[in-house]
Amino acid sequence: MVSSQPRQVVRTVLREALDSQLGGEVVVKSSTLSGRIFVVARKVAWVAITGPGATNFASVLVQERQVSREDLEQVVAECRKSGGNFCEMLVSWGLLPWDSVRELLRRHLTSQLEALLSLRDAQALFVPQHRTYSSQLTFNLEELAPPVSSPPTPNQLLEERVNMANVKQSLEESLKIDGAFAACLVDSKSGMSLGSIGGSATFNVDAAAAGNTEVVRAKLKTMNALGMKDRIEDILITLGEQYHVIRPLSTKEGLFLYLALHRANANLAMARFKLADIEKALSL
């Protein structure tokens, strides 16, 4: 059974940190991700995660073409030299206006925090520590993560169990496709695998899921830049010995199925056809 209770561990400990006059950091660990949430003056100052799909704020600025890589490197070098705040340096150098930096940072911290709050097997510990923080770029928890809704009803818990069973069944069906050796369901916003099957010592399914998240993001960004009002049916990556198929879910935005196949044993046309049927039958 998938219970919502473990998901509250990080939020509960974070609330403890935000209620503390001293501040400090919340250390989060799970089987897939680890991270730290820095709290200053009862506000969130920074969130950093490590693991599959982890990105830093500087990379986000480059990917979204907000700042050139050359300018970014100069800002980072100056921050290391002077000890200045990275975000405030962007503003003082005239690279971005204050409002834009704050909103970009809020969105980035929100995605980082959501990844930690959604962990089902997370352990969290508040380490009180007095911190000084030169920037005014701090956020209330409500700005980054909406309040938790009321506890789920028995019917909602039953529906969640059924959905998780449906995900498992869909992945098992995917692995029955000729040539298939790994499959997973991926959240493209966080890069986290919501369920996986197969793989090997030389093929980490969860790492592959996180890496191919960038493929999906890049394609969506290109379509947006070209003004294409369309959806991705699937993305095919052909390697020397493997096929990798990415199929976004039409019924659940932000999720995609990922299937890896051995070329020698696979019928690509049939694999795409069967994966499309599995995607249609997947209920979330």
Protein backbone atom coordinates (compact mmCIF):
# COMPACT_ATOMS: atom_id res chain seq x y z
CA MET A 1 0.00 0.00 0.00
CA VAL A 2 1.21 3.52 -0.82
CA SER A 3 0.50 5.80 2.11
CA SER A 4 0.63 9.58 2.02
CA GLN A 5 2.02 9.71 5.56
CA PRO A 6 5.75 9.24 4.73
CA ARG A 7 5.50 12.17 2.36
CA GLN A 8 4.87 14.47 5.34
CA VAL A 9 8.20 13.69 7.04
CA VAL A 10 10.19 16.35 5.18
CA ARG A 11 7.44 18.97 5.52
CA THR A 12 7.06 18.29 9.27
CA VAL A 13 10.78 18.66 9.93
CA LEU A 14 10.92 21.73 7.68
CA ARG A 15 8.12 23.31 9.72
CA GLU A 16 10.18 22.67 12.83
CA ALA A 17 13.11 24.49 11.23
CA LEU A 18 10.94 27.43 10.14
CA ASP A 19 9.53 27.76 13.67
CA SER A 20 13.05 27.93 15.11
CA GLN A 21 14.44 31.38 15.86
CA LEU A 22 17.95 30.07 15.28
CA GLY A 23 17.43 28.62 11.80
CA GLY A 24 19.76 26.06 10.27
CA GLU A 25 19.35 23.33 7.70
CA VAL A 26 17.11 20.34 7.07
CA VAL A 27 19.04 17.33 5.82
CA VAL A 28 16.98 14.93 3.69
CA LYS A 29 17.99 11.45 2.56
CA SER A 30 16.20 8.71 0.63
CA SER A 31 17.11 5.76 -1.57
CA THR A 32 17.05 7.96 -4.69
CA LEU A 33 17.75 11.54 -3.65
CA SER A 34 19.35 13.54 -0.89
CA GLY A 35 19.19 17.24 -0.25
CA ARG A 36 19.49 20.18 2.12
CA ILE A 37 17.05 22.98 2.84
CA PHE A 38 18.61 26.11 4.33
CA VAL A 39 16.47 28.20 6.66
CA VAL A 40 17.29 31.78 7.68
CA ALA A 41 15.06 34.09 9.74
CA ARG A 42 12.14 31.66 9.45
CA LYS A 43 12.26 31.62 5.67
CA VAL A 44 13.68 29.25 3.05
CA ALA A 45 16.93 30.65 1.69
CA TRP A 46 18.10 27.79 -0.52
CA VAL A 47 17.31 24.20 -1.53
CA ALA A 48 19.91 21.88 -3.00
CA ILE A 49 19.41 18.26 -4.09
CA THR A 50 21.79 15.60 -5.34
CA GLY A 51 20.80 12.54 -7.33
CA PRO A 52 19.08 11.73 -10.65
CA GLY A 53 17.62 14.81 -12.31
CA ALA A 54 19.30 17.29 -9.97
CA THR A 55 20.03 20.70 -11.51
CA ASN A 56 21.54 23.88 -10.13
CA PHE A 57 20.25 27.41 -10.57
CA ALA A 58 23.12 28.47 -12.80
CA SER A 59 22.37 25.64 -15.24
CA VAL A 60 18.71 26.63 -15.34
CA LEU A 61 19.64 30.21 -16.28
CA VAL A 62 21.80 28.96 -19.15
CA GLN A 63 19.22 26.42 -20.38
CA GLU A 64 16.49 29.07 -20.42
CA ARG A 65 18.85 31.51 -22.15
CA GLN A 66 18.49 34.08 -19.41
CA VAL A 67 22.27 34.54 -19.08
CA SER A 68 25.08 33.50 -21.41
CA ARG A 69 27.50 30.86 -20.19
CA GLU A 70 30.38 33.34 -20.52
CA ASP A 71 28.66 35.97 -18.33
CA LEU A 72 27.70 33.30 -15.86
CA GLU A 73 31.27 32.08 -15.49
CA GLN A 74 32.43 35.63 -14.82
CA VAL A 75 29.75 36.14 -12.16
CA VAL A 76 30.66 32.86 -10.45
CA ALA A 77 34.35 33.81 -10.49
CA GLU A 78 33.58 37.21 -8.96
CA CYS A 79 31.39 35.64 -6.26
CA ARG A 80 34.20 33.28 -5.30
CA LYS A 81 36.62 36.16 -5.19
CA SER A 82 34.50 38.64 -3.25
CA GLY A 83 32.14 36.34 -1.37
CA GLY A 84 29.16 38.17 -2.89
CA ASN A 85 25.71 36.68 -3.38
CA PHE A 86 25.26 35.06 -6.79
CA CYS A 87 21.72 36.32 -7.42
CA GLU A 88 22.42 39.85 -6.26
CA MET A 89 25.54 39.90 -8.44
CA LEU A 90 23.37 39.11 -11.48
CA VAL A 91 21.29 42.19 -10.72
CA SER A 92 24.19 44.51 -9.89
CA TRP A 93 25.92 43.60 -13.17
CA GLY A 94 22.74 44.43 -15.08
CA LEU A 95 22.35 40.90 -16.43
CA LEU A 96 18.82 40.44 -15.05
CA PRO A 97 16.29 42.70 -13.28
CA TRP A 98 15.51 42.02 -9.62
CA ASP A 99 11.93 40.82 -10.23
CA SER A 100 13.09 38.33 -12.86
CA VAL A 101 15.80 36.90 -10.61
CA ARG A 102 13.34 36.49 -7.75
CA GLU A 103 10.74 34.72 -9.90
CA LEU A 104 13.29 32.45 -11.61
CA LEU A 105 14.77 31.57 -8.23
CA ARG A 106 11.32 30.94 -6.73
CA ARG A 107 10.46 28.53 -9.57
CA HIS A 108 13.79 26.72 -9.21
CA LEU A 109 13.52 26.34 -5.44
CA THR A 110 9.92 25.21 -5.83
CA SER A 111 10.93 22.37 -8.16
CA GLN A 112 13.77 21.37 -5.83
CA LEU A 113 11.52 21.43 -2.77
CA GLU A 114 8.74 19.51 -4.51
CA ALA A 115 11.21 16.75 -5.36
CA LEU A 116 12.15 16.40 -1.68
CA LEU A 117 8.58 16.68 -0.37
CA SER A 118 7.39 13.94 -2.75
CA LEU A 119 9.88 11.31 -1.55
CA ARG A 120 8.07 8.30 -0.13
CA ASP A 121 10.98 6.84 1.85
CA ALA A 122 12.60 10.05 3.03
CA GLN A 123 14.33 10.57 6.35
CA ALA A 124 14.84 14.16 7.52
CA LEU A 125 16.76 15.82 10.32
CA PHE A 126 16.80 19.46 11.41
CA VAL A 127 20.27 20.73 12.33
CA PRO A 128 19.89 24.06 14.19
CA GLN A 129 22.64 26.47 13.23
CA HIS A 130 22.88 30.23 13.27
CA ARG A 131 23.37 31.45 9.70
CA THR A 132 23.96 34.85 8.20
CA TYR A 133 22.60 35.41 4.72
CA SER A 134 23.39 38.56 2.80
CA SER A 135 20.52 38.34 0.32
CA GLN A 136 16.89 39.35 0.70
CA LEU A 137 15.95 36.55 -1.69
CA THR A 138 14.25 34.30 0.85
CA PHE A 139 10.78 32.79 0.68
CA ASN A 140 7.92 31.74 2.90
CA LEU A 141 7.07 28.05 2.62
CA GLU A 142 3.68 28.94 1.12
CA GLU A 143 5.45 30.67 -1.80
CA LEU A 144 7.30 27.45 -2.67
CA ALA A 145 4.96 24.64 -1.63
CA PRO A 146 1.18 24.87 -1.20
CA PRO A 147 -0.29 23.68 2.11
CA VAL A 148 -1.00 20.00 2.46
CA SER A 149 -4.63 19.09 1.86
CA SER A 150 -6.68 17.14 4.35
CA PRO A 151 -5.73 13.47 4.97
CA PRO A 152 -6.90 11.12 2.21
CA THR A 153 -10.13 9.22 2.65
CA PRO A 154 -10.20 5.39 2.58
CA ASN A 155 -11.59 5.57 -0.96
CA GLN A 156 -8.72 7.82 -2.05
CA LEU A 157 -6.18 5.42 -0.53
CA LEU A 158 -7.86 2.52 -2.34
CA GLU A 159 -7.72 4.47 -5.61
CA GLU A 160 -4.01 5.19 -5.05
CA ARG A 161 -3.30 1.48 -4.46
CA VAL A 162 -5.18 0.60 -7.65
CA ASN A 163 -3.25 3.23 -9.63
CA MET A 164 0.12 2.00 -8.36
CA ALA A 165 -0.87 -1.57 -9.24
CA ASN A 166 -1.83 -0.31 -12.70
CA VAL A 167 1.61 1.30 -13.12
CA LYS A 168 3.33 -1.93 -12.12
CA GLN A 169 1.18 -3.96 -14.51
CA SER A 170 1.87 -1.53 -17.38
CA LEU A 171 5.62 -1.72 -16.83
CA GLU A 172 5.48 -5.51 -16.71
CA GLU A 173 3.58 -5.51 -20.00
CA SER A 174 6.21 -3.19 -21.49
CA LEU A 175 8.96 -5.64 -20.61
CA LYS A 176 7.13 -8.37 -22.55
CA ILE A 177 7.68 -6.48 -25.80
CA ASP A 178 10.24 -8.30 -27.98
CA GLY A 179 13.74 -7.03 -27.24
CA ALA A 180 12.72 -4.93 -24.21
CA PHE A 181 15.07 -5.10 -21.23
CA ALA A 182 14.14 -1.99 -19.18
CA ALA A 183 11.12 0.25 -18.73
CA CYS A 184 10.05 3.03 -16.41
CA LEU A 185 7.48 5.77 -15.82
CA VAL A 186 9.13 9.16 -15.38
CA ASP A 187 8.15 12.58 -14.04
CA SER A 188 9.71 15.01 -16.55
CA LYS A 189 9.54 17.92 -14.08
CA SER A 190 11.79 16.33 -11.47
CA GLY A 191 13.51 13.59 -13.48
CA MET A 192 12.39 11.05 -10.88
CA SER A 193 11.28 7.55 -11.79
CA LEU A 194 7.78 6.77 -10.47
CA GLY A 195 8.24 3.09 -11.21
CA SER A 196 10.80 0.99 -13.04
CA ILE A 197 11.51 -2.58 -14.10
CA GLY A 198 14.44 -4.38 -15.68
CA GLY A 199 17.88 -2.93 -16.27
CA SER A 200 21.22 -4.42 -15.31
CA ALA A 201 24.49 -3.67 -13.55
CA THR A 202 25.59 -1.75 -16.66
CA PHE A 203 22.24 -0.06 -17.32
CA ASN A 204 20.77 1.95 -14.43
CA VAL A 205 17.11 2.51 -15.32
CA ASP A 206 16.60 5.42 -12.92
CA ALA A 207 19.73 7.21 -14.16
CA ALA A 208 18.56 6.70 -17.75
CA ALA A 209 15.15 8.13 -16.81
CA ALA A 210 16.72 11.26 -15.36
CA GLY A 211 18.97 11.74 -18.39
CA ASN A 212 16.18 11.35 -20.91
CA THR A 213 14.13 13.93 -19.04
CA GLU A 214 16.48 16.48 -20.58
CA VAL A 215 15.68 15.08 -24.03
CA VAL A 216 11.97 15.68 -23.49
CA ARG A 217 12.53 19.16 -22.07
CA ALA A 218 14.78 20.13 -24.98
CA LYS A 219 12.25 18.97 -27.56
CA LEU A 220 9.37 20.81 -25.86
CA LYS A 221 11.48 23.95 -25.65
CA THR A 222 12.33 23.72 -29.36
CA MET A 223 8.68 23.23 -30.29
CA ASN A 224 7.75 26.24 -28.20
CA ALA A 225 10.46 28.36 -29.84
CA LEU A 226 9.15 27.37 -33.27
CA GLY A 227 5.58 28.12 -32.26
CA MET A 228 4.48 24.55 -32.88
CA LYS A 229 1.08 23.85 -31.30
CA ASP A 230 1.41 20.09 -31.24
CA ARG A 231 2.23 17.26 -28.86
CA ILE A 232 5.02 14.70 -28.84
CA GLU A 233 3.71 11.25 -29.76
CA ASP A 234 7.03 9.54 -29.13
CA ILE A 235 10.78 10.12 -29.39
CA LEU A 236 13.06 7.44 -30.82
CA ILE A 237 16.77 7.25 -30.05
CA THR A 238 18.70 4.73 -32.15
CA LEU A 239 22.02 3.45 -30.79
CA GLY A 240 24.36 0.90 -32.27
CA GLU A 241 22.90 -1.97 -30.26
CA GLN A 242 19.79 -0.49 -28.67
CA TYR A 243 16.56 1.41 -29.30
CA HIS A 244 15.28 3.85 -26.69
CA VAL A 245 11.64 4.94 -26.99
CA ILE A 246 10.16 7.85 -25.03
CA ARG A 247 6.37 8.16 -25.05
CA PRO A 248 4.75 11.08 -23.13
CA LEU A 249 1.40 10.26 -21.55
CA SER A 250 -1.51 11.97 -23.31
CA THR A 251 -3.67 11.67 -20.20
CA LYS A 252 -1.15 13.00 -17.66
CA GLU A 253 0.98 15.99 -18.61
CA GLY A 254 4.58 15.83 -17.42
CA LEU A 255 4.87 12.02 -17.34
CA PHE A 256 6.39 9.73 -19.94
CA LEU A 257 7.04 6.04 -20.49
CA TYR A 258 10.61 5.08 -21.29
CA LEU A 259 11.46 1.77 -22.96
CA ALA A 260 14.89 0.35 -23.79
CA LEU A 261 15.23 -2.51 -26.30
CA HIS A 262 18.00 -4.63 -27.81
CA ARG A 263 18.04 -3.91 -31.56
CA ALA A 264 18.93 -7.50 -32.46
CA ASN A 265 15.70 -8.82 -30.92
CA ALA A 266 13.33 -5.88 -31.43
CA ASN A 267 10.72 -5.07 -34.04
CA LEU A 268 10.65 -1.30 -33.75
CA ALA A 269 7.30 -0.74 -35.46
CA MET A 270 5.62 -3.37 -33.29
CA ALA A 271 7.32 -2.05 -30.14
CA ARG A 272 6.00 1.47 -30.77
CA PHE A 273 2.53 0.09 -31.50
CA LYS A 274 2.43 -1.99 -28.30
CA LEU A 275 3.84 0.84 -26.18
CA ALA A 276 1.08 3.12 -27.49
CA ASP A 277 -1.52 0.55 -26.40
CA ILE A 278 0.10 0.29 -22.96
CA GLU A 279 0.12 4.08 -22.64
CA LYS A 280 -3.61 4.23 -23.43
CA ALA A 281 -4.37 1.59 -20.80
CA LEU A 282 -2.28 3.27 -18.09
CA SER A 283 -4.54 4.89 -15.50
CA LEU A 284 -3.26 7.55 -13.11
